[in-house]
C-alpha atoms as a PDB file:
ATOM      1  CA  MET A   1       0.813 -72.557 -35.765  1.00  0.00           C
ATOM      2  CA  LEU A   2      -0.891 -74.330 -38.670  1.00  0.00           C
ATOM      3  CA  GLY A   3      -0.380 -71.538 -41.206  1.00  0.00           C
ATOM      4  CA  GLN A   4       3.371 -71.541 -40.705  1.00  0.00           C
ATOM      5  CA  THR A   5       4.052 -75.161 -41.604  1.00  0.00           C
ATOM      6  CA  GLY A   6       5.617 -75.989 -44.960  1.00  0.00           C
ATOM      7  CA  HIS A   7       2.969 -78.580 -45.830  1.00  0.00           C
ATOM      8  CA  PHE A   8       0.156 -76.128 -45.183  1.00  0.00           C
ATOM      9  CA  LEU A   9       1.726 -73.440 -47.363  1.00  0.00           C
ATOM     10  CA  THR A  10       2.431 -75.942 -50.133  1.00  0.00           C
ATOM     11  CA  ALA A  11      -1.202 -77.078 -50.041  1.00  0.00           C
ATOM     12  CA  LEU A  12      -2.424 -73.474 -50.247  1.00  0.00           C
ATOM     13  CA  ARG A  13      -0.224 -72.790 -53.268  1.00  0.00           C
ATOM     14  CA  PHE A  14      -1.456 -75.941 -54.990  1.00  0.00           C
ATOM     15  CA  LEU A  15      -5.125 -75.169 -54.313  1.00  0.00           C
ATOM     16  CA  ARG A  16      -4.648 -71.609 -55.603  1.00  0.00           C
ATOM     17  CA  ALA A  17      -2.927 -72.869 -58.761  1.00  0.00           C
ATOM     18  CA  CYS A  18      -5.863 -75.217 -59.401  1.00  0.00           C
ATOM     19  CA  GLY A  19      -8.431 -72.440 -58.946  1.00  0.00           C
ATOM     20  CA  HIS A  20      -9.909 -73.776 -55.714  1.00  0.00           C
ATOM     21  CA  LEU A  21      -8.661 -70.749 -53.769  1.00  0.00           C
ATOM     22  CA  ALA A  22      -8.608 -67.133 -54.882  1.00  0.00           C
ATOM     23  CA  ALA A  23      -5.372 -65.187 -55.125  1.00  0.00           C
ATOM     24  CA  ASP A  24      -3.969 -63.765 -51.898  1.00  0.00           C
ATOM     25  CA  VAL A  25      -4.835 -60.091 -51.501  1.00  0.00           C
ATOM     26  CA  GLY A  26      -2.581 -59.657 -48.456  1.00  0.00           C
ATOM     27  CA  ASP A  27      -5.237 -59.415 -45.750  1.00  0.00           C
ATOM     28  CA  GLY A  28      -4.677 -62.850 -44.189  1.00  0.00           C
ATOM     29  CA  MET A  29      -7.968 -64.281 -45.466  1.00  0.00           C
ATOM     30  CA  ILE A  30      -8.302 -67.419 -47.570  1.00  0.00           C
ATOM     31  CA  ARG A  31     -11.065 -67.096 -50.147  1.00  0.00           C
ATOM     32  CA  LEU A  32     -12.676 -69.727 -52.332  1.00  0.00           C
ATOM     33  CA  GLY A  33     -11.809 -69.587 -56.013  1.00  0.00           C
ATOM     34  CA  PRO A  34     -13.843 -70.105 -59.180  1.00  0.00           C
ATOM     35  CA  MET A  35     -13.427 -73.886 -59.339  1.00  0.00           C
ATOM     36  CA  VAL A  36     -15.491 -74.240 -56.171  1.00  0.00           C
ATOM     37  CA  ALA A  37     -18.565 -73.375 -58.267  1.00  0.00           C
ATOM     38  CA  LEU A  38     -18.183 -76.825 -59.837  1.00  0.00           C
ATOM     39  CA  TRP A  39     -18.260 -78.672 -56.509  1.00  0.00           C
ATOM     40  CA  SER A  40     -21.127 -81.009 -55.746  1.00  0.00           C
ATOM     41  CA  GLU A  41     -23.516 -80.364 -52.863  1.00  0.00           C
ATOM     42  CA  ARG A  42     -21.741 -83.160 -50.987  1.00  0.00           C
ATOM     43  CA  ASP A  43     -18.372 -81.397 -51.369  1.00  0.00           C
ATOM     44  CA  VAL A  44     -19.840 -78.109 -50.148  1.00  0.00           C
ATOM     45  CA  ALA A  45     -21.454 -79.871 -47.187  1.00  0.00           C
ATOM     46  CA  GLU A  46     -18.085 -81.433 -46.314  1.00  0.00           C
ATOM     47  CA  LEU A  47     -16.421 -78.023 -46.362  1.00  0.00           C
ATOM     48  CA  ARG A  48     -19.150 -76.550 -44.189  1.00  0.00           C
ATOM     49  CA  SER A  49     -18.887 -79.400 -41.690  1.00  0.00           C
ATOM     50  CA  GLY A  50     -15.192 -78.638 -41.162  1.00  0.00           C
ATOM     51  CA  TYR A  51     -15.574 -74.864 -40.951  1.00  0.00           C
ATOM     52  CA  ASN A  52     -15.140 -74.814 -37.181  1.00  0.00           C
ATOM     53  CA  VAL A  53     -11.611 -76.259 -37.415  1.00  0.00           C
ATOM     54  CA  LEU A  54     -10.346 -73.631 -39.850  1.00  0.00           C
ATOM     55  CA  PRO A  55      -7.966 -71.065 -38.336  1.00  0.00           C
ATOM     56  CA  ALA A  56      -9.471 -67.687 -37.487  1.00  0.00           C
ATOM     57  CA  PRO A  57      -8.349 -64.648 -39.482  1.00  0.00           C
ATOM     58  CA  ARG A  58      -5.381 -62.791 -38.094  1.00  0.00           C
ATOM     59  CA  LYS A  59      -6.187 -59.581 -36.262  1.00  0.00           C
ATOM     60  CA  GLY A  60      -4.517 -56.380 -37.490  1.00  0.00           C
END
């Protein structure tokens, strides 16, 4: 599973430390952080284009 690999977890920690992801609230969701407000329209479009490959939230 993608979320259980060391590289994935390291990347999440790095992105959180840089403000690109919000702090974990323990519900299994990954939320965008405040630095994303500074992204260009091209960056946002790139994120949206890859949305379908992101893992689904865990159930229960």
